[in-house]
């Protein structure tokens, strides 16, 4: 099977990898380490836009990639042409398939920094080769889903649609960005392929070119309404919103649609002072008996501009958001990384830790579990990292450690511990069938409505979600750090 990620072209996306993944794998192979088991983890360090939470997205595309990994004959020939790889390694790749397991949070889970949201347990080469593809999917879609959620929150119940394809970084970004935006809460997209691939509602009306092509604005409106009488939304800012666009829209409603027994569905503004203009347009429409005609606004919007114009009393029923959503313009890097955390040698699992002068870049070693901790009201009060063999018991007092303030005693009482990592790939094959995108979207909505504190969801100075550790895990990390420090500073002071 050619892994095209349903994009309808002939790319083998297995080849989406950094060269160092191949050079290291060739080295592991020549050293005879190809069957050694390793654990790698995906986590991120900072929430975009200084927000209080992020949304995990892109897992379905990761699973699709893993299941279809292979190297075609022309791929092997390309590797051979580079003159870098042993022929025995190329023979190994020619019959390659991924043979490991992957655990991950459910797609759509609310996530926080420095916890493993996806874990690869696999032979060393398998675990190394998947790094770039996994990060590319998780970084992009988690970023856009998180940005979309911020914009949806700012819209305060008004529908938000993705209008960003023309400003996306490429066609893949447009399509998978639309998927992520829908998961994050967007009502739909203008991108047709996203609608076809993911069953996302699509919407769209006309561009200024339709109005400018016809002899007059009214003629453009009249003809459009005649073609689409059940779904007429008119773009009213081509010439003059108040003196031309709105009067011609009203005329079209009265002279074309109402004689057919139809109503004008909406008008759209794509420029100008949206707060002032929409209030005036609303007044004019209402005076004409078109109280049910919706006003849609677009034009370089994001959560900040939407909040501002709503605060100014804008009369807007829905937003079309383009470049600042599909590129997450205000903070366009999610920053998830892929780090080794354990290696199994001679049947013994050895934890691995990356040490850095920058404290925030010190990794959490070893194989681990992650639990979301809920209080008696069902709110998520913390996430808890433990060894993979630890199983906190719900309802019983549990002592844990805040790694940022380890001197403070923390006891969780009357809490429920829910494990977040579940197996999604076993021996290279998916464990369950694909999840419906609406199920993923509804899962996001449920968490933000019922589980995640509203204080974490505000834009300014959001509450910081607690990330705690079991005492045993914290002590093992500190012990490993001390051990590494001793090796580094032996004989010095």
Protein backbone atom coordinates (compact mmCIF):
# COMPACT_ATOMS: atom_id res chain seq x y z
CA UNK A 1 0.00 0.00 0.00
CA UNK A 2 1.30 3.46 -0.89
CA UNK A 3 1.05 5.61 2.19
CA UNK A 4 -0.32 8.84 0.73
CA UNK A 5 -2.27 9.92 3.81
CA UNK A 6 -5.33 10.04 1.51
CA UNK A 7 -3.94 13.02 -0.36
CA UNK A 8 -4.32 11.33 -3.74
CA UNK A 9 -0.69 11.62 -4.84
CA UNK A 10 2.20 9.17 -5.17
CA UNK A 11 4.35 10.19 -2.22
CA UNK A 12 5.52 7.50 0.15
CA UNK A 13 5.27 9.42 3.41
CA UNK A 14 7.41 6.85 5.18
CA UNK A 15 10.24 8.92 3.71
CA UNK A 16 9.27 11.94 5.82
CA UNK A 17 12.19 11.60 8.19
CA UNK A 18 15.35 13.47 9.07
CA UNK A 19 18.59 12.06 7.66
CA UNK A 20 19.97 11.52 11.15
CA UNK A 21 17.26 8.95 11.83
CA UNK A 22 18.73 6.88 9.00
CA UNK A 23 22.38 7.45 9.85
CA UNK A 24 21.81 6.48 13.49
CA UNK A 25 19.74 3.45 12.46
CA UNK A 26 22.48 2.33 10.08
CA UNK A 27 24.92 2.67 12.97
CA UNK A 28 22.71 0.72 15.38
CA UNK A 29 22.36 -2.00 12.74
CA UNK A 30 26.12 -2.30 12.20
CA UNK A 31 26.64 -2.45 15.98
CA UNK A 32 24.08 -5.27 16.25
CA UNK A 33 21.64 -3.24 18.34
CA UNK A 34 18.67 -3.30 15.97
CA UNK A 35 16.64 -5.64 18.22
CA UNK A 36 17.34 -3.82 21.49
CA UNK A 37 14.10 -2.39 22.86
CA UNK A 38 13.85 1.34 23.51
CA UNK A 39 11.26 3.75 24.84
CA UNK A 40 10.83 7.21 23.33
CA UNK A 41 8.31 9.82 24.47
CA UNK A 42 6.59 12.82 22.90
CA UNK A 43 6.00 15.80 25.18
CA UNK A 44 5.95 19.57 24.90
CA UNK A 45 7.38 22.24 27.17
CA UNK A 46 5.25 25.37 26.71
CA UNK A 47 1.61 26.09 25.92
CA UNK A 48 1.20 28.42 22.92
CA UNK A 49 0.06 32.00 23.59
CA UNK A 50 0.82 31.49 27.30
CA UNK A 51 -2.46 29.62 27.57
CA UNK A 52 -3.61 27.33 30.34
CA UNK A 53 -3.99 24.14 28.30
CA UNK A 54 -3.49 22.57 24.87
CA UNK A 55 -5.38 19.96 22.83
CA UNK A 56 -3.80 16.73 21.63
CA UNK A 57 -4.53 16.22 17.92
CA UNK A 58 -3.05 14.33 14.98
CA UNK A 59 -3.06 10.84 16.52
CA UNK A 60 -5.17 9.28 13.78
CA UNK A 61 -2.63 10.36 11.15
CA UNK A 62 0.21 8.97 13.30
CA UNK A 63 -1.52 5.59 13.47
CA UNK A 64 -2.12 5.60 9.72
CA UNK A 65 1.55 6.41 9.12
CA UNK A 66 2.80 3.65 11.42
CA UNK A 67 0.54 0.98 9.92
CA UNK A 68 1.67 1.76 6.40
CA UNK A 69 5.40 2.22 6.91
CA UNK A 70 7.48 0.61 4.16
CA UNK A 71 10.26 1.46 1.74
CA UNK A 72 9.72 1.05 -2.00
CA UNK A 73 12.38 -0.15 -4.38
CA UNK A 74 12.99 3.39 -5.58
CA UNK A 75 13.39 4.54 -1.95
CA UNK A 76 16.10 1.93 -1.37
CA UNK A 77 17.80 2.96 -4.60
CA UNK A 78 17.77 6.57 -3.47
CA UNK A 79 19.40 5.60 -0.18
CA UNK A 80 21.99 3.60 -2.11
CA UNK A 81 22.77 6.62 -4.29
CA UNK A 82 23.72 8.63 -1.19
CA UNK A 83 26.66 6.31 -0.57
CA UNK A 84 26.16 6.45 3.20
CA UNK A 85 24.56 3.16 4.14
CA UNK A 86 25.74 -0.43 4.43
CA UNK A 87 24.16 -2.78 1.88
CA UNK A 88 23.02 -5.12 4.65
CA UNK A 89 21.11 -2.23 6.26
CA UNK A 90 19.45 -1.42 2.94
CA UNK A 91 18.40 -5.05 2.65
CA UNK A 92 16.92 -4.78 6.15
CA UNK A 93 14.93 -1.71 5.07
CA UNK A 94 13.64 -3.35 1.90
CA UNK A 95 11.44 -5.69 3.96
CA UNK A 96 10.74 -3.23 6.73
CA UNK A 97 7.60 -2.86 8.81
CA UNK A 98 7.16 -1.25 12.22
CA UNK A 99 7.18 -3.94 14.94
CA UNK A 100 6.65 -1.95 18.13
CA UNK A 101 3.86 -0.69 20.38
CA UNK A 102 2.58 2.84 20.82
CA UNK A 103 0.69 4.20 23.79
CA UNK A 104 -0.96 7.60 23.65
CA UNK A 105 -3.53 9.88 25.21
CA UNK A 106 -6.89 9.72 23.46
CA UNK A 107 -6.99 12.20 20.62
CA UNK A 108 -8.70 15.34 21.84
CA UNK A 109 -7.37 15.03 25.39
CA UNK A 110 -6.55 18.29 27.15
CA UNK A 111 -2.78 18.23 27.67
CA UNK A 112 -0.15 20.06 29.67
CA UNK A 113 3.64 20.53 29.45
CA UNK A 114 6.21 17.90 30.39
CA UNK A 115 3.98 14.84 30.40
CA UNK A 116 4.37 12.03 27.83
CA UNK A 117 1.38 12.30 25.50
CA UNK A 118 2.65 9.54 23.19
CA UNK A 119 5.08 6.71 24.00
CA UNK A 120 6.89 4.42 21.57
CA UNK A 121 8.08 1.04 22.89
CA UNK A 122 9.85 -0.62 19.99
CA UNK A 123 13.07 -2.09 18.65
CA UNK A 124 15.65 0.72 18.63
CA UNK A 125 15.64 1.28 14.86
CA UNK A 126 11.84 1.28 14.67
CA UNK A 127 11.63 3.81 17.47
CA UNK A 128 14.24 6.02 15.82
CA UNK A 129 12.76 6.07 12.32
CA UNK A 130 9.32 7.41 13.33
CA UNK A 131 10.46 10.58 15.11
CA UNK A 132 9.96 13.19 12.40
CA UNK A 133 6.61 11.95 11.13
CA UNK A 134 5.11 11.68 14.60
CA UNK A 135 6.28 15.15 15.59
CA UNK A 136 5.13 16.69 12.31
CA UNK A 137 1.58 15.45 12.80
CA UNK A 138 1.31 16.08 16.54
CA UNK A 139 2.97 19.51 16.47
CA UNK A 140 0.87 20.85 13.61
CA UNK A 141 -2.56 19.55 14.53
CA UNK A 142 -2.18 20.15 18.29
CA UNK A 143 -1.13 23.72 17.55
CA UNK A 144 -4.11 24.44 15.28
CA UNK A 145 -6.64 22.66 17.50
CA UNK A 146 -5.43 24.69 20.49
CA UNK A 147 -5.56 27.97 18.55
CA UNK A 148 -9.02 27.16 17.21
CA UNK A 149 -10.27 26.57 20.75
CA UNK A 150 -9.07 30.00 21.84
CA UNK A 151 -10.86 31.63 18.91
CA UNK A 152 -14.05 29.65 19.55
CA UNK A 153 -13.98 30.71 23.20
CA UNK A 154 -13.58 34.35 22.19
CA UNK A 155 -16.56 34.05 19.83
CA UNK A 156 -18.71 33.27 22.89
CA UNK A 157 -21.24 30.96 21.28
CA UNK A 158 -21.06 32.38 17.78
CA UNK A 159 -20.05 29.91 15.08
CA UNK A 160 -16.44 29.99 13.86
CA UNK A 161 -15.50 28.54 10.48
CA UNK A 162 -12.03 27.90 9.09
CA UNK A 163 -11.44 30.16 6.08
CA UNK A 164 -7.66 29.70 6.01
CA UNK A 165 -6.72 27.41 3.12
CA UNK A 166 -5.37 30.18 0.86
CA UNK A 167 -3.04 31.40 3.60
CA UNK A 168 -1.96 27.98 4.86
CA UNK A 169 1.67 27.02 4.41
CA UNK A 170 0.75 24.39 1.82
CA UNK A 171 -2.14 22.18 0.77
CA UNK A 172 -1.47 19.53 3.44
CA UNK A 173 -1.50 22.24 6.10
CA UNK A 174 -4.82 23.52 4.77
CA UNK A 175 -6.49 20.11 4.84
CA UNK A 176 -5.13 18.75 8.12
CA UNK A 177 -5.36 22.20 9.67
CA UNK A 178 -9.08 22.18 8.90
CA UNK A 179 -9.35 18.81 10.65
CA UNK A 180 -7.55 20.13 13.71
CA UNK A 181 -9.64 23.30 13.77
CA UNK A 182 -12.82 21.22 13.76
CA UNK A 183 -11.52 19.14 16.66
CA UNK A 184 -10.78 22.39 18.49
CA UNK A 185 -14.36 23.58 18.08
CA UNK A 186 -14.68 25.26 14.67
CA UNK A 187 -18.12 24.71 13.15
CA UNK A 188 -16.71 23.80 9.76
CA UNK A 189 -14.34 24.76 6.99
CA UNK A 190 -14.31 26.31 3.55
CA UNK A 191 -11.79 23.68 2.40
CA UNK A 192 -13.59 21.18 0.18
CA UNK A 193 -11.07 18.34 0.46
CA UNK A 194 -11.24 18.51 4.25
CA UNK A 195 -14.99 18.14 3.99
CA UNK A 196 -14.64 15.10 1.76
CA UNK A 197 -11.85 13.38 3.72
CA UNK A 198 -13.10 14.00 7.24
CA UNK A 199 -16.84 14.68 6.82
CA UNK A 200 -16.40 18.21 8.12
CA UNK A 201 -19.27 20.63 7.31
CA UNK A 202 -18.17 22.99 4.57
CA UNK A 203 -19.48 26.45 3.81
CA UNK A 204 -18.79 29.29 1.42
CA UNK A 205 -20.54 31.94 -0.59
CA UNK A 206 -18.88 34.29 -3.06
CA UNK A 207 -15.72 36.34 -3.46
CA UNK A 208 -15.46 39.97 -4.47
CA UNK A 209 -14.68 38.78 -7.99
CA UNK A 210 -18.28 37.59 -8.44
CA UNK A 211 -19.57 41.05 -7.61
CA UNK A 212 -16.94 42.82 -9.70
CA UNK A 213 -17.50 40.60 -12.74
CA UNK A 214 -21.14 41.52 -13.10
CA UNK A 215 -22.31 44.88 -14.44
CA UNK A 216 -23.61 46.01 -11.05
CA UNK A 217 -23.63 44.88 -7.45
CA UNK A 218 -27.38 44.32 -7.56
CA UNK A 219 -27.07 42.25 -10.74
CA UNK A 220 -24.42 40.08 -9.03
CA UNK A 221 -26.65 39.59 -5.99
CA UNK A 222 -29.77 38.93 -8.05
CA UNK A 223 -28.12 36.25 -10.15
CA UNK A 224 -26.50 34.56 -7.17
CA UNK A 225 -29.80 34.45 -5.30
CA UNK A 226 -31.50 32.97 -8.35
CA UNK A 227 -28.95 30.14 -8.46
CA UNK A 228 -28.83 29.48 -4.69
CA UNK A 229 -32.19 30.63 -3.30
CA UNK A 230 -32.06 28.29 -0.30
CA UNK A 231 -28.60 29.36 0.81
CA UNK A 232 -28.08 32.98 -0.20
CA UNK A 233 -25.31 34.78 1.68
CA UNK A 234 -24.18 38.00 0.02
CA UNK A 235 -20.79 39.71 0.31
CA UNK A 236 -21.67 43.36 0.90
CA UNK A 237 -18.35 45.20 1.20
CA UNK A 238 -17.09 45.25 -2.41
CA UNK A 239 -17.98 48.93 -2.91
CA UNK A 240 -19.73 50.55 0.06
CA UNK A 241 -21.29 48.54 2.88
CA UNK A 242 -23.92 51.02 4.01
CA UNK A 243 -24.75 52.98 0.85
CA UNK A 244 -24.56 50.11 -1.63
CA UNK A 245 -24.00 46.61 -0.29
CA UNK A 246 -26.68 46.48 2.39
CA UNK A 247 -29.38 48.27 0.35
CA UNK A 248 -28.73 45.93 -2.60
CA UNK A 249 -28.88 42.89 -0.31
CA UNK A 250 -32.23 44.09 1.05
CA UNK A 251 -33.49 44.70 -2.47
CA UNK A 252 -32.44 41.19 -3.47
CA UNK A 253 -34.28 39.75 -0.48
CA UNK A 254 -37.46 41.65 -1.38
CA UNK A 255 -37.46 41.42 -5.19
CA UNK A 256 -35.86 38.02 -5.80
CA UNK A 257 -36.12 35.75 -2.78
CA UNK A 258 -39.42 36.67 -1.11
CA UNK A 259 -41.47 36.21 -4.31
CA UNK A 260 -40.00 32.67 -4.36
CA UNK A 261 -41.02 32.12 -0.74
CA UNK A 262 -37.36 32.26 0.37
CA UNK A 263 -35.45 34.31 2.92
CA UNK A 264 -32.06 35.98 2.72
CA UNK A 265 -29.86 33.71 4.82
CA UNK A 266 -27.03 36.12 5.52
CA UNK A 267 -24.63 38.87 4.58
CA UNK A 268 -20.86 38.90 4.99
CA UNK A 269 -18.38 41.70 5.68
CA UNK A 270 -14.70 41.20 4.95
CA UNK A 271 -13.31 44.66 5.63
CA UNK A 272 -13.79 47.91 7.49
CA UNK A 273 -14.72 48.75 11.07
CA UNK A 274 -16.60 45.57 11.87
CA UNK A 275 -17.99 46.79 15.19
CA UNK A 276 -19.50 49.97 13.73
CA UNK A 277 -20.56 48.53 10.38
CA UNK A 278 -22.28 45.44 11.73
CA UNK A 279 -24.36 47.52 14.15
CA UNK A 280 -25.52 49.70 11.26
CA UNK A 281 -26.14 46.73 8.98
CA UNK A 282 -28.17 45.02 11.71
CA UNK A 283 -30.32 48.13 12.12
CA UNK A 284 -30.95 48.36 8.37
CA UNK A 285 -31.80 44.67 8.03
CA UNK A 286 -34.16 44.74 10.99
CA UNK A 287 -35.94 47.83 9.69
CA UNK A 288 -36.46 45.94 6.42
CA UNK A 289 -38.03 43.00 8.23
CA UNK A 290 -34.97 40.79 7.84
CA UNK A 291 -34.41 40.09 11.52
CA UNK A 292 -33.50 36.48 10.70
CA UNK A 293 -30.72 37.43 8.27
CA UNK A 294 -27.38 36.53 9.83
CA UNK A 295 -24.29 38.75 9.74
CA UNK A 296 -20.99 36.98 9.13
CA UNK A 297 -17.63 38.68 9.58
CA UNK A 298 -14.18 37.78 8.30
CA UNK A 299 -10.93 39.75 7.72
CA UNK A 300 -7.75 38.77 9.63
CA UNK A 301 -9.54 37.82 12.83
CA UNK A 302 -8.22 36.04 15.90
CA UNK A 303 -9.24 35.64 19.55
CA UNK A 304 -8.01 39.13 20.44
CA UNK A 305 -9.75 41.07 17.65
CA UNK A 306 -12.93 39.01 18.09
CA UNK A 307 -12.99 39.76 21.82
CA UNK A 308 -12.50 43.45 21.10
CA UNK A 309 -15.24 43.86 18.52
CA UNK A 310 -17.72 41.85 20.60
CA UNK A 311 -16.93 44.07 23.59
CA UNK A 312 -17.74 47.04 21.34
CA UNK A 313 -21.24 45.67 20.73
CA UNK A 314 -20.72 44.28 17.22
CA UNK A 315 -23.77 42.54 15.80
CA UNK A 316 -22.14 39.41 14.42
CA UNK A 317 -23.67 35.95 14.28
CA UNK A 318 -20.68 34.00 12.91
CA UNK A 319 -17.01 34.42 12.09
CA UNK A 320 -14.88 33.18 9.22
CA UNK A 321 -11.28 33.03 10.46
CA UNK A 322 -8.42 32.54 8.06
CA UNK A 323 -4.68 33.14 8.27
CA UNK A 324 -4.44 33.71 12.02
CA UNK A 325 -6.13 30.36 12.68
CA UNK A 326 -4.59 28.13 10.03
CA UNK A 327 -1.06 29.39 10.79
CA UNK A 328 -1.59 30.06 14.53
CA UNK A 329 0.04 33.38 13.70
CA UNK A 330 0.49 34.78 17.21
CA UNK A 331 2.54 31.77 18.41
CA UNK A 332 3.14 29.41 15.48
CA UNK A 333 5.28 26.72 17.14
CA UNK A 334 3.90 23.96 19.35
CA UNK A 335 7.31 22.62 20.30
CA UNK A 336 6.67 18.94 21.04
CA UNK A 337 9.90 16.91 21.20
CA UNK A 338 10.79 13.22 20.96
CA UNK A 339 13.23 11.96 23.57
CA UNK A 340 14.55 8.55 24.60
CA UNK A 341 13.57 7.65 28.17
CA UNK A 342 14.59 3.99 28.58
CA UNK A 343 16.60 1.21 26.93
CA UNK A 344 16.24 -2.50 27.62
CA UNK A 345 19.57 -4.35 27.80
CA UNK A 346 19.93 -8.01 28.79
CA UNK A 347 16.35 -8.03 30.00
CA UNK A 348 16.85 -5.01 32.26
CA UNK A 349 15.14 -1.67 31.57
CA UNK A 350 17.60 1.18 32.10
CA UNK A 351 16.12 4.68 32.52
CA UNK A 352 17.74 7.43 30.45
CA UNK A 353 17.77 11.13 31.26
CA UNK A 354 18.85 14.20 29.30
CA UNK A 355 20.63 16.71 31.54
CA UNK A 356 20.88 20.36 30.58
CA UNK A 357 22.05 23.67 32.02
CA UNK A 358 18.52 24.81 31.17
CA UNK A 359 16.47 23.15 33.91
CA UNK A 360 13.34 23.07 31.75
CA UNK A 361 15.15 20.83 29.27
CA UNK A 362 15.96 18.09 31.78
CA UNK A 363 13.82 15.11 30.78
CA UNK A 364 11.75 12.72 32.89
CA UNK A 365 13.48 9.32 32.72
CA UNK A 366 12.22 5.77 32.53
CA UNK A 367 8.98 4.08 31.59
CA UNK A 368 6.09 5.77 33.28
CA UNK A 369 2.35 6.16 33.62
CA UNK A 370 0.32 9.37 33.63
CA UNK A 371 -2.88 9.76 35.62
CA UNK A 372 -5.40 12.60 35.61
CA UNK A 373 -6.54 13.30 39.14
CA UNK A 374 -10.20 14.27 39.70
CA UNK A 375 -11.73 15.65 42.87
CA UNK A 376 -15.11 14.59 44.24
CA UNK A 377 -16.89 17.10 41.97
CA UNK A 378 -15.30 15.64 38.84
CA UNK A 379 -12.87 18.48 38.20
CA UNK A 380 -9.30 17.70 37.12
CA UNK A 381 -7.07 19.01 39.90
CA UNK A 382 -3.72 17.67 38.72
CA UNK A 383 -1.86 15.23 36.51
CA UNK A 384 0.36 12.65 38.17
CA UNK A 385 3.48 10.96 36.76
CA UNK A 386 4.44 7.60 38.26
CA UNK A 387 6.58 4.58 37.44
CA UNK A 388 4.73 2.31 35.03
CA UNK A 389 4.35 -0.28 37.80
CA UNK A 390 2.62 2.10 40.22
CA UNK A 391 -1.17 2.14 40.46
CA UNK A 392 -2.66 4.82 42.71
CA UNK A 393 -5.92 3.67 44.28
CA UNK A 394 -8.91 5.97 43.86
CA UNK A 395 -10.63 7.12 47.02
CA UNK A 396 -7.62 6.61 49.28
CA UNK A 397 -5.29 9.40 50.46
CA UNK A 398 -2.27 9.69 48.21
CA UNK A 399 0.93 11.60 48.95
CA UNK A 400 2.73 13.08 45.95
CA UNK A 401 5.48 15.56 45.09
CA UNK A 402 5.34 18.85 43.20
CA UNK A 403 8.70 18.74 41.38
CA UNK A 404 8.80 22.55 41.33
CA UNK A 405 8.22 22.74 45.12
CA UNK A 406 9.39 19.40 46.47
CA UNK A 407 9.62 20.72 50.05
CA UNK A 408 5.81 21.06 50.28
CA UNK A 409 3.87 18.00 51.45
CA UNK A 410 0.90 17.25 49.15
CA UNK A 411 -1.80 14.74 50.02
CA UNK A 412 -4.64 14.06 47.60
CA UNK A 413 -7.82 12.92 49.34
CA UNK A 414 -11.11 11.57 47.99
CA UNK A 415 -9.73 11.64 44.44
CA UNK A 416 -10.14 9.48 41.35
CA UNK A 417 -7.06 8.52 39.31
CA UNK A 418 -7.67 7.98 35.59
CA UNK A 419 -4.82 6.56 33.46
CA UNK A 420 -4.28 8.62 30.31
CA UNK A 421 -1.93 6.45 28.24
CA UNK A 422 -3.64 3.64 26.33
CA UNK A 423 -2.21 1.28 23.73
CA UNK A 424 -3.12 2.38 20.21
CA UNK A 425 -0.56 0.33 18.22
CA UNK A 426 0.40 -3.27 19.03
CA UNK A 427 3.16 -4.90 16.97
CA UNK A 428 2.70 -2.27 14.28
CA UNK A 429 -1.10 -2.61 13.98
CA UNK A 430 -3.83 -0.38 15.33
CA UNK A 431 -5.66 -1.72 18.36
CA UNK A 432 -9.04 -0.15 17.59
CA UNK A 433 -10.71 1.23 14.49
CA UNK A 434 -10.55 4.93 13.58
CA UNK A 435 -12.49 7.29 15.83
CA UNK A 436 -15.09 9.54 14.28
CA UNK A 437 -13.96 13.15 14.21
CA UNK A 438 -17.20 14.25 15.86
CA UNK A 439 -16.51 11.92 18.77
CA UNK A 440 -13.08 13.53 19.17
CA UNK A 441 -14.58 17.02 18.99
CA UNK A 442 -17.28 16.14 21.53
CA UNK A 443 -14.60 14.72 23.85
CA UNK A 444 -12.84 18.11 23.79
CA UNK A 445 -16.10 19.88 24.54
CA UNK A 446 -16.93 17.55 27.44
CA UNK A 447 -13.57 18.06 29.12
CA UNK A 448 -13.67 21.84 28.85
CA UNK A 449 -17.27 21.96 30.02
CA UNK A 450 -17.18 19.41 32.85
CA UNK A 451 -13.60 18.68 33.91
CA UNK A 452 -11.16 21.53 33.26
CA UNK A 453 -11.37 24.51 35.60
CA UNK A 454 -12.60 27.72 33.96
CA UNK A 455 -9.62 29.43 35.57
CA UNK A 456 -7.33 27.40 33.31
CA UNK A 457 -9.29 28.54 30.26
CA UNK A 458 -8.93 32.30 30.61
CA UNK A 459 -6.56 34.10 28.22
CA UNK A 460 -4.77 36.28 30.77
CA UNK A 461 -2.74 34.68 33.55
CA UNK A 462 -4.52 31.32 33.46
CA UNK A 463 -4.31 29.01 36.45
CA UNK A 464 -1.35 26.63 36.08
CA UNK A 465 -2.41 22.98 36.11
CA UNK A 466 -0.53 20.97 38.73
CA UNK A 467 1.93 18.37 37.41
CA UNK A 468 2.87 16.11 40.31
CA UNK A 469 5.01 12.98 40.69
CA UNK A 470 4.79 9.93 42.89
CA UNK A 471 7.42 9.98 45.67
CA UNK A 472 9.06 6.85 44.23
CA UNK A 473 9.28 8.33 40.76
CA UNK A 474 10.55 11.70 41.97
CA UNK A 475 13.25 10.07 44.08
CA UNK A 476 14.37 7.85 41.18
CA UNK A 477 14.70 10.93 38.96
CA UNK A 478 16.71 12.79 41.59
CA UNK A 479 18.91 9.72 42.13
CA UNK A 480 19.61 9.50 38.41
CA UNK A 481 20.44 13.22 38.27
CA UNK A 482 22.84 12.84 41.17
CA UNK A 483 24.43 9.86 39.45
CA UNK A 484 24.88 11.80 36.21
CA UNK A 485 26.22 14.81 38.12
CA UNK A 486 28.77 12.57 39.83
CA UNK A 487 29.98 11.24 36.51
CA UNK A 488 30.24 14.74 35.06
CA UNK A 489 31.96 16.41 37.99
CA UNK A 490 34.10 13.56 39.31
CA UNK A 491 37.47 14.92 40.49
CA UNK A 492 36.34 18.56 40.27
CA UNK A 493 34.95 21.06 42.73
